[in-house]
Amino acid sequence: MSLPTETNDSYWTLAAPAEGEYSEKRSKFLAYAYPVTTEEEALERVREVRARYYDARHVCWAYRLGPTGELYRTNDDGEPSGTAGKPIHGILVSQGLTEVIVLVVRYFGGVKLGTSGLIEAYREATLAALEDAPRRECILTQQISITFSYDLMGPVMRVVKESDARILSQDFTDTCRLLLEQRQARVVELRTRLEQIYGVTLLSISPSNS
């Protein structure tokens, strides 16, 4: 089995909220982007923006959740189906962002934009909010728990250091115990090297938050 690369154990999200604005034929589109980690948090942002812009004709939105954006939801809020939430979501996908919700508030200017015009407007508003938004990379990690005798301290710590693993906790009593955190793409490599040290016992491997 080949080892995973370091390109498939991270994802990008926003480092802070951002906003942008777009106008078309007197209609004004105000876009707000927020980092979120749960559906509840995303929907709370929807409630906040709706309350703030209670007089707006539409508050349309889309969010992506999970490391690969596998959880998502869109809402056209009265606009023709597929003309608002879907374009917003499409920009999130094309920008490679997840754990994010974008809401676009529309104030109608009296001139209908048509289906293609609406799609373009919601896309441009979303891009305006995300264009200069600060971003951060989230690294997926796993925790590894091991035990070993004290005489194996040297080789074990050497492997830990060379693998750039992080020590979360340690207990050096009768039997040594380490709880390590490692980048997901390098877990197989670390596990293999530790198991090659006779006397090291692997207790568990579990996901952890980056």
C-alpha atoms as a PDB file:
ATOM      1  CA  MET A   1       0.000   0.000   0.000  1.00  0.00           C
ATOM      2  CA  SER A   2       1.435   3.376  -0.971  1.00  0.00           C
ATOM      3  CA  LEU A   3       1.680   6.121   1.597  1.00  0.00           C
ATOM      4  CA  PRO A   4      -0.708   9.052   1.235  1.00  0.00           C
ATOM      5  CA  THR A   5       0.775  12.353   0.143  1.00  0.00           C
ATOM      6  CA  GLU A   6       0.692  15.537   2.173  1.00  0.00           C
ATOM      7  CA  THR A   7      -1.682  17.104  -0.317  1.00  0.00           C
ATOM      8  CA  ASN A   8      -4.725  15.096   0.733  1.00  0.00           C
ATOM      9  CA  ASP A   9      -4.734  15.648   4.487  1.00  0.00           C
ATOM     10  CA  SER A  10      -5.504  19.344   4.644  1.00  0.00           C
ATOM     11  CA  TYR A  11      -8.164  21.789   3.556  1.00  0.00           C
ATOM     12  CA  TRP A  12      -8.614  25.543   3.296  1.00  0.00           C
ATOM     13  CA  THR A  13     -11.128  27.711   5.111  1.00  0.00           C
ATOM     14  CA  LEU A  14     -11.465  31.361   6.085  1.00  0.00           C
ATOM     15  CA  ALA A  15      -9.309  32.804   8.855  1.00  0.00           C
ATOM     16  CA  ALA A  16     -11.852  35.551   9.571  1.00  0.00           C
ATOM     17  CA  PRO A  17     -15.200  36.861   8.319  1.00  0.00           C
ATOM     18  CA  ALA A  18     -15.200  38.844   5.079  1.00  0.00           C
ATOM     19  CA  GLU A  19     -17.648  40.851   3.023  1.00  0.00           C
ATOM     20  CA  GLY A  20     -18.128  42.284  -0.438  1.00  0.00           C
ATOM     21  CA  GLU A  21     -20.640  44.139  -2.575  1.00  0.00           C
ATOM     22  CA  TYR A  22     -21.893  43.974  -6.151  1.00  0.00           C
ATOM     23  CA  SER A  23     -24.445  46.099  -7.996  1.00  0.00           C
ATOM     24  CA  GLU A  24     -26.339  45.392 -11.198  1.00  0.00           C
ATOM     25  CA  LYS A  25     -29.189  47.459 -12.698  1.00  0.00           C
ATOM     26  CA  ARG A  26     -29.840  49.219  -9.408  1.00  0.00           C
ATOM     27  CA  SER A  27     -30.077  45.936  -7.486  1.00  0.00           C
ATOM     28  CA  LYS A  28     -27.543  45.801  -4.663  1.00  0.00           C
ATOM     29  CA  PHE A  29     -26.001  42.520  -3.510  1.00  0.00           C
ATOM     30  CA  LEU A  30     -24.244  42.480  -0.126  1.00  0.00           C
ATOM     31  CA  ALA A  31     -22.176  39.343   0.495  1.00  0.00           C
ATOM     32  CA  TYR A  32     -20.970  38.049   3.857  1.00  0.00           C
ATOM     33  CA  ALA A  33     -18.640  35.084   4.347  1.00  0.00           C
ATOM     34  CA  TYR A  34     -18.040  33.388   7.689  1.00  0.00           C
ATOM     35  CA  PRO A  35     -15.935  30.433   8.840  1.00  0.00           C
ATOM     36  CA  VAL A  36     -18.224  27.801  10.418  1.00  0.00           C
ATOM     37  CA  THR A  37     -17.736  24.230  11.595  1.00  0.00           C
ATOM     38  CA  THR A  38     -21.292  22.959  12.150  1.00  0.00           C
ATOM     39  CA  GLU A  39     -24.710  23.283  10.540  1.00  0.00           C
ATOM     40  CA  GLU A  40     -26.013  24.887  13.729  1.00  0.00           C
ATOM     41  CA  GLU A  41     -23.332  27.563  13.546  1.00  0.00           C
ATOM     42  CA  ALA A  42     -24.082  28.176   9.868  1.00  0.00           C
ATOM     43  CA  LEU A  43     -27.822  28.541  10.460  1.00  0.00           C
ATOM     44  CA  GLU A  44     -27.149  30.912  13.340  1.00  0.00           C
ATOM     45  CA  ARG A  45     -25.318  33.148  10.872  1.00  0.00           C
ATOM     46  CA  VAL A  46     -28.375  32.991   8.627  1.00  0.00           C
ATOM     47  CA  ARG A  47     -30.587  34.131  11.492  1.00  0.00           C
ATOM     48  CA  GLU A  48     -28.205  36.962  12.351  1.00  0.00           C
ATOM     49  CA  VAL A  49     -28.034  38.310   8.811  1.00  0.00           C
ATOM     50  CA  ARG A  50     -31.783  37.986   8.283  1.00  0.00           C
ATOM     51  CA  ALA A  51     -32.396  39.958  11.484  1.00  0.00           C
ATOM     52  CA  ARG A  52     -29.897  42.640  10.473  1.00  0.00           C
ATOM     53  CA  TYR A  53     -31.382  43.019   6.967  1.00  0.00           C
ATOM     54  CA  TYR A  54     -35.023  42.385   7.797  1.00  0.00           C
ATOM     55  CA  ASP A  55     -36.121  44.760   5.047  1.00  0.00           C
ATOM     56  CA  ALA A  56     -34.180  43.006   2.256  1.00  0.00           C
ATOM     57  CA  ARG A  57     -36.109  41.174  -0.431  1.00  0.00           C
ATOM     58  CA  HIS A  58     -33.839  38.104  -0.415  1.00  0.00           C
ATOM     59  CA  VAL A  59     -31.127  36.623   1.812  1.00  0.00           C
ATOM     60  CA  CYS A  60     -29.671  33.722  -0.168  1.00  0.00           C
ATOM     61  CA  TRP A  61     -26.873  31.466   1.030  1.00  0.00           C
ATOM     62  CA  ALA A  62     -24.823  28.304   0.733  1.00  0.00           C
ATOM     63  CA  TYR A  63     -22.415  26.510   3.019  1.00  0.00           C
ATOM     64  CA  ARG A  64     -19.862  23.701   2.788  1.00  0.00           C
ATOM     65  CA  LEU A  65     -18.815  21.621   5.789  1.00  0.00           C
ATOM     66  CA  GLY A  66     -16.305  18.833   6.326  1.00  0.00           C
ATOM     67  CA  PRO A  67     -12.714  18.508   5.084  1.00  0.00           C
ATOM     68  CA  THR A  68     -13.858  17.843   1.509  1.00  0.00           C
ATOM     69  CA  GLY A  69     -17.031  19.932   1.571  1.00  0.00           C
ATOM     70  CA  GLU A  70     -19.049  16.728   1.575  1.00  0.00           C
ATOM     71  CA  LEU A  71     -21.812  18.354   3.624  1.00  0.00           C
ATOM     72  CA  TYR A  72     -23.434  21.303   1.926  1.00  0.00           C
ATOM     73  CA  ARG A  73     -26.714  23.142   1.624  1.00  0.00           C
ATOM     74  CA  THR A  74     -28.028  25.952  -0.558  1.00  0.00           C
ATOM     75  CA  ASN A  75     -31.009  28.292  -0.276  1.00  0.00           C
ATOM     76  CA  ASP A  76     -32.482  30.589  -2.967  1.00  0.00           C
ATOM     77  CA  ASP A  77     -34.813  32.392  -0.536  1.00  0.00           C
ATOM     78  CA  GLY A  78     -37.481  33.154  -3.115  1.00  0.00           C
ATOM     79  CA  GLU A  79     -35.228  33.723  -6.101  1.00  0.00           C
ATOM     80  CA  PRO A  80     -35.869  31.436  -9.109  1.00  0.00           C
ATOM     81  CA  SER A  81     -34.614  27.930  -8.360  1.00  0.00           C
ATOM     82  CA  GLY A  82     -30.899  27.496  -8.897  1.00  0.00           C
ATOM     83  CA  THR A  83     -30.114  31.177  -9.472  1.00  0.00           C
ATOM     84  CA  ALA A  84     -28.671  32.073  -6.052  1.00  0.00           C
ATOM     85  CA  GLY A  85     -27.664  29.322  -3.624  1.00  0.00           C
ATOM     86  CA  LYS A  86     -26.184  27.091  -6.308  1.00  0.00           C
ATOM     87  CA  PRO A  87     -23.944  29.805  -7.817  1.00  0.00           C
ATOM     88  CA  ILE A  88     -22.746  30.748  -4.320  1.00  0.00           C
ATOM     89  CA  HIS A  89     -21.905  27.111  -3.616  1.00  0.00           C
ATOM     90  CA  GLY A  90     -20.181  26.806  -6.977  1.00  0.00           C
ATOM     91  CA  ILE A  91     -17.804  29.633  -6.094  1.00  0.00           C
ATOM     92  CA  LEU A  92     -16.947  27.975  -2.778  1.00  0.00           C
ATOM     93  CA  VAL A  93     -16.111  24.792  -4.677  1.00  0.00           C
ATOM     94  CA  SER A  94     -14.028  26.577  -7.314  1.00  0.00           C
ATOM     95  CA  GLN A  95     -12.168  28.500  -4.617  1.00  0.00           C
ATOM     96  CA  GLY A  96     -11.394  25.275  -2.751  1.00  0.00           C
ATOM     97  CA  LEU A  97     -12.968  26.502   0.475  1.00  0.00           C
ATOM     98  CA  THR A  98     -14.928  24.533   3.042  1.00  0.00           C
ATOM     99  CA  GLU A  99     -16.154  25.075   6.618  1.00  0.00           C
ATOM    100  CA  VAL A 100     -17.597  28.318   5.213  1.00  0.00           C
ATOM    101  CA  ILE A 101     -21.003  29.914   4.722  1.00  0.00           C
ATOM    102  CA  VAL A 102     -21.631  32.788   2.309  1.00  0.00           C
ATOM    103  CA  LEU A 103     -24.818  34.828   2.511  1.00  0.00           C
ATOM    104  CA  VAL A 104     -25.854  37.347  -0.137  1.00  0.00           C
ATOM    105  CA  VAL A 105     -28.426  39.997   0.740  1.00  0.00           C
ATOM    106  CA  ARG A 106     -30.294  41.448  -2.238  1.00  0.00           C
ATOM    107  CA  TYR A 107     -32.053  44.781  -2.383  1.00  0.00           C
ATOM    108  CA  PHE A 108     -34.185  44.804  -5.533  1.00  0.00           C
ATOM    109  CA  GLY A 109     -33.620  47.816  -7.767  1.00  0.00           C
ATOM    110  CA  GLY A 110     -36.817  47.586  -9.784  1.00  0.00           C
ATOM    111  CA  VAL A 111     -35.306  45.964 -12.867  1.00  0.00           C
ATOM    112  CA  LYS A 112     -35.516  42.210 -13.346  1.00  0.00           C
ATOM    113  CA  LEU A 113     -32.161  40.602 -14.137  1.00  0.00           C
ATOM    114  CA  GLY A 114     -33.370  37.338 -15.642  1.00  0.00           C
ATOM    115  CA  THR A 115     -32.019  33.881 -14.825  1.00  0.00           C
ATOM    116  CA  SER A 116     -28.550  34.360 -16.271  1.00  0.00           C
ATOM    117  CA  GLY A 117     -28.281  37.832 -14.770  1.00  0.00           C
ATOM    118  CA  LEU A 118     -29.145  36.574 -11.297  1.00  0.00           C
ATOM    119  CA  ILE A 119     -26.671  33.703 -11.514  1.00  0.00           C
ATOM    120  CA  GLU A 120     -23.929  36.117 -12.559  1.00  0.00           C
ATOM    121  CA  ALA A 121     -24.827  38.620  -9.839  1.00  0.00           C
ATOM    122  CA  TYR A 122     -24.743  36.058  -7.026  1.00  0.00           C
ATOM    123  CA  ARG A 123     -21.472  34.666  -8.348  1.00  0.00           C
ATOM    124  CA  GLU A 124     -19.870  38.105  -8.534  1.00  0.00           C
ATOM    125  CA  ALA A 125     -21.105  39.097  -5.071  1.00  0.00           C
ATOM    126  CA  THR A 126     -19.642  35.915  -3.603  1.00  0.00           C
ATOM    127  CA  LEU A 127     -16.338  36.514  -5.368  1.00  0.00           C
ATOM    128  CA  ALA A 128     -16.283  40.069  -4.049  1.00  0.00           C
ATOM    129  CA  ALA A 129     -16.491  38.773  -0.486  1.00  0.00           C
ATOM    130  CA  LEU A 130     -13.897  36.036  -0.959  1.00  0.00           C
ATOM    131  CA  GLU A 131     -11.397  37.838  -3.189  1.00  0.00           C
ATOM    132  CA  ASP A 132      -9.290  39.320  -0.393  1.00  0.00           C
ATOM    133  CA  ALA A 133     -10.605  37.202   2.478  1.00  0.00           C
ATOM    134  CA  PRO A 134      -7.894  35.868   4.826  1.00  0.00           C
ATOM    135  CA  ARG A 135      -7.523  32.084   4.587  1.00  0.00           C
ATOM    136  CA  ARG A 136      -5.938  29.374   6.639  1.00  0.00           C
ATOM    137  CA  GLU A 137      -4.933  25.787   6.019  1.00  0.00           C
ATOM    138  CA  CYS A 138      -6.281  23.145   8.396  1.00  0.00           C
ATOM    139  CA  ILE A 139      -4.153  20.033   8.773  1.00  0.00           C
ATOM    140  CA  LEU A 140      -5.894  16.729   9.496  1.00  0.00           C
ATOM    141  CA  THR A 141      -4.132  14.785  12.236  1.00  0.00           C
ATOM    142  CA  GLN A 142      -4.436  11.535  14.163  1.00  0.00           C
ATOM    143  CA  GLN A 143      -3.454  10.541  17.687  1.00  0.00           C
ATOM    144  CA  ILE A 144      -1.278   7.509  18.345  1.00  0.00           C
ATOM    145  CA  SER A 145      -0.930   5.955  21.790  1.00  0.00           C
ATOM    146  CA  ILE A 146       2.056   3.671  22.486  1.00  0.00           C
ATOM    147  CA  THR A 147       3.732   1.954  25.433  1.00  0.00           C
ATOM    148  CA  PHE A 148       7.298   0.682  25.760  1.00  0.00           C
ATOM    149  CA  SER A 149       9.939  -0.126  28.354  1.00  0.00           C
ATOM    150  CA  TYR A 150      12.268   2.595  29.615  1.00  0.00           C
ATOM    151  CA  ASP A 151      15.310   1.079  27.886  1.00  0.00           C
ATOM    152  CA  LEU A 152      13.653   1.816  24.514  1.00  0.00           C
ATOM    153  CA  MET A 153      13.386   5.534  25.261  1.00  0.00           C
ATOM    154  CA  GLY A 154      16.281   6.482  22.959  1.00  0.00           C
ATOM    155  CA  PRO A 155      15.138   4.802  19.734  1.00  0.00           C
ATOM    156  CA  VAL A 156      11.485   5.724  20.310  1.00  0.00           C
ATOM    157  CA  MET A 157      12.214   9.407  20.872  1.00  0.00           C
ATOM    158  CA  ARG A 158      14.502   9.447  17.858  1.00  0.00           C
ATOM    159  CA  VAL A 159      11.686   8.175  15.623  1.00  0.00           C
ATOM    160  CA  VAL A 160       9.254  10.697  17.147  1.00  0.00           C
ATOM    161  CA  LYS A 161      11.650  13.571  16.498  1.00  0.00           C
ATOM    162  CA  GLU A 162      12.535  12.497  12.947  1.00  0.00           C
ATOM    163  CA  SER A 163       8.830  12.072  12.108  1.00  0.00           C
ATOM    164  CA  ASP A 164       7.951  15.556  13.403  1.00  0.00           C
ATOM    165  CA  ALA A 165       5.267  14.054  15.614  1.00  0.00           C
ATOM    166  CA  ARG A 166       3.922  16.132  18.480  1.00  0.00           C
ATOM    167  CA  ILE A 167       3.922  14.725  22.015  1.00  0.00           C
ATOM    168  CA  LEU A 168       0.535  15.427  23.606  1.00  0.00           C
ATOM    169  CA  SER A 169       1.197  13.635  26.884  1.00  0.00           C
ATOM    170  CA  GLN A 170       3.813  11.369  28.408  1.00  0.00           C
ATOM    171  CA  ASP A 171       4.053   9.075  31.414  1.00  0.00           C
ATOM    172  CA  PHE A 172       7.450   7.680  32.361  1.00  0.00           C
ATOM    173  CA  THR A 173       6.752   5.426  35.336  1.00  0.00           C
ATOM    174  CA  ASP A 174       7.129   1.632  35.386  1.00  0.00           C
ATOM    175  CA  THR A 175       6.073   1.498  31.734  1.00  0.00           C
ATOM    176  CA  CYS A 176       6.565   4.446  29.422  1.00  0.00           C
ATOM    177  CA  ARG A 177       3.517   5.748  27.635  1.00  0.00           C
ATOM    178  CA  LEU A 178       3.251   8.422  24.926  1.00  0.00           C
ATOM    179  CA  LEU A 179       0.278  10.030  23.282  1.00  0.00           C
ATOM    180  CA  LEU A 180       1.393  11.435  19.935  1.00  0.00           C
ATOM    181  CA  GLU A 181      -0.251  13.598  17.309  1.00  0.00           C
ATOM    182  CA  GLN A 182       0.826  13.227  13.707  1.00  0.00           C
ATOM    183  CA  ARG A 183      -0.179  14.672  10.371  1.00  0.00           C
ATOM    184  CA  GLN A 184      -2.586  12.190   8.776  1.00  0.00           C
ATOM    185  CA  ALA A 185      -0.469  11.696   5.662  1.00  0.00           C
ATOM    186  CA  ARG A 186       2.480  10.577   7.790  1.00  0.00           C
ATOM    187  CA  VAL A 187       0.671   8.309  10.258  1.00  0.00           C
ATOM    188  CA  VAL A 188       1.435   5.106   8.332  1.00  0.00           C
ATOM    189  CA  GLU A 189       5.124   6.002   8.177  1.00  0.00           C
ATOM    190  CA  LEU A 190       5.285   6.765  11.922  1.00  0.00           C
ATOM    191  CA  ARG A 191       3.366   3.631  12.868  1.00  0.00           C
ATOM    192  CA  THR A 192       5.578   1.444  10.706  1.00  0.00           C
ATOM    193  CA  ARG A 193       8.790   2.842  12.181  1.00  0.00           C
ATOM    194  CA  LEU A 194       7.525   2.451  15.745  1.00  0.00           C
ATOM    195  CA  GLU A 195       6.374  -1.111  15.159  1.00  0.00           C
ATOM    196  CA  GLN A 196       9.841  -1.965  13.868  1.00  0.00           C
ATOM    197  CA  ILE A 197      11.198  -1.281  17.355  1.00  0.00           C
ATOM    198  CA  TYR A 198      10.793  -4.584  19.166  1.00  0.00           C
ATOM    199  CA  GLY A 199       8.958  -4.000  22.452  1.00  0.00           C
ATOM    200  CA  VAL A 200       6.844  -1.033  21.394  1.00  0.00           C
ATOM    201  CA  THR A 201       3.098  -1.675  21.752  1.00  0.00           C
ATOM    202  CA  LEU A 202       0.648   0.333  19.691  1.00  0.00           C
ATOM    203  CA  LEU A 203      -2.462   0.906  21.789  1.00  0.00           C
ATOM    204  CA  SER A 204      -4.661   3.004  19.500  1.00  0.00           C
ATOM    205  CA  ILE A 205      -4.909   5.349  16.547  1.00  0.00           C
ATOM    206  CA  SER A 206      -7.747   7.849  16.487  1.00  0.00           C
ATOM    207  CA  PRO A 207      -8.672  11.084  14.676  1.00  0.00           C
ATOM    208  CA  SER A 208      -7.868  14.383  16.348  1.00  0.00           C
ATOM    209  CA  ASN A 209      -8.611  18.006  15.624  1.00  0.00           C
ATOM    210  CA  SER A 210      -5.950  20.034  13.832  1.00  0.00           C
END
